[in-house]
Protein backbone atom coordinates (compact mmCIF):
# COMPACT_ATOMS: atom_id res chain seq x y z
CA MET A 1 32.02 -17.84 -103.56
CA GLN A 2 35.01 -18.04 -101.31
CA LEU A 3 37.58 -20.80 -101.28
CA THR A 4 39.54 -21.96 -98.24
CA ALA A 5 43.32 -21.58 -98.27
CA VAL A 6 45.21 -23.70 -95.75
CA PHE A 7 48.71 -22.63 -94.68
CA MET A 8 51.09 -24.76 -92.66
CA GLN A 9 54.45 -23.67 -91.31
CA VAL A 10 57.25 -26.16 -91.96
CA PRO A 11 61.00 -25.92 -91.25
CA GLU A 12 61.63 -24.65 -94.81
CA GLY A 13 58.92 -21.95 -94.63
CA PHE A 14 55.26 -22.55 -95.50
CA ILE A 15 53.17 -24.91 -97.59
CA ALA A 16 49.64 -24.14 -98.72
CA PHE A 17 46.71 -25.57 -100.61
CA VAL A 18 43.10 -24.76 -101.45
CA GLU A 19 40.70 -27.25 -99.87
CA GLU A 20 38.10 -27.06 -102.62
CA LEU A 21 40.50 -27.23 -105.57
CA PRO A 22 42.64 -30.37 -105.77
CA GLY A 23 46.01 -29.67 -107.31
CA ALA A 24 46.19 -26.05 -106.15
CA ASN A 25 49.11 -26.25 -103.77
CA THR A 26 52.42 -24.49 -103.30
CA GLN A 27 55.18 -23.50 -100.95
CA GLY A 28 57.25 -20.45 -100.06
CA GLU A 29 59.82 -19.13 -97.65
CA THR A 30 57.44 -16.55 -96.16
CA LEU A 31 53.69 -16.45 -95.64
CA LYS A 32 53.44 -13.51 -98.06
CA GLU A 33 55.36 -15.37 -100.76
CA THR A 34 53.26 -18.48 -100.19
CA ARG A 35 50.02 -16.50 -100.56
CA GLU A 36 51.23 -15.04 -103.86
CA ASN A 37 52.35 -18.47 -105.07
CA LEU A 38 48.97 -19.95 -104.15
CA LYS A 39 47.12 -17.39 -106.27
CA GLU A 40 49.31 -18.36 -109.21
CA ALA A 41 48.77 -22.07 -108.51
CA VAL A 42 44.98 -21.60 -108.55
CA GLN A 43 45.19 -19.74 -111.87
CA LEU A 44 47.37 -22.49 -113.36
CA VAL A 45 45.03 -25.27 -112.22
CA LEU A 46 42.01 -23.47 -113.68
CA GLU A 47 43.83 -22.86 -116.97
CA ALA A 48 44.96 -26.51 -117.16
CA ASN A 49 41.43 -27.75 -116.41
CA ARG A 50 40.01 -25.50 -119.11
CA GLU A 51 42.54 -26.77 -121.65
CA LEU A 52 41.79 -30.41 -120.78
CA SER A 53 38.08 -29.75 -121.10
CA GLU A 54 38.48 -28.02 -124.45
CA ARG A 55 40.55 -30.93 -125.77
CA SER A 56 37.93 -33.45 -124.66
CA LEU A 57 35.18 -31.48 -126.42
CA VAL A 58 36.86 -31.18 -129.83
CA GLY A 59 34.33 -32.16 -132.47
CA GLN A 60 31.43 -32.01 -130.02
CA GLN A 61 28.58 -29.58 -130.39
CA VAL A 62 28.41 -27.68 -127.11
CA SER A 63 26.98 -24.46 -125.75
CA ARG A 64 29.09 -22.25 -123.48
CA GLU A 65 27.87 -19.48 -121.21
CA PRO A 66 29.23 -17.50 -118.25
CA PHE A 67 28.71 -19.15 -114.88
CA ASP A 68 28.77 -16.86 -111.87
CA LEU A 69 28.89 -18.43 -108.42
CA THR A 70 28.52 -15.11 -106.65
CA THR A 71 24.88 -14.70 -107.63
CA PRO A 72 22.42 -16.23 -105.11
């Protein structure tokens, strides 16, 4: 699975976001810095979503398993 990163040049440098992942957005002075910041933003959003999910499931009986989107 590939996600779509969108980069926009602004007077201060660049802003960026991932179309498929609300909340994954960032900025930077250079395109390279913005790309690096976006990777970190995606990781932080995924970690935050996992934590929220785990909190909401406390006391629930659930089953967890790996989920791979790269397999057809």
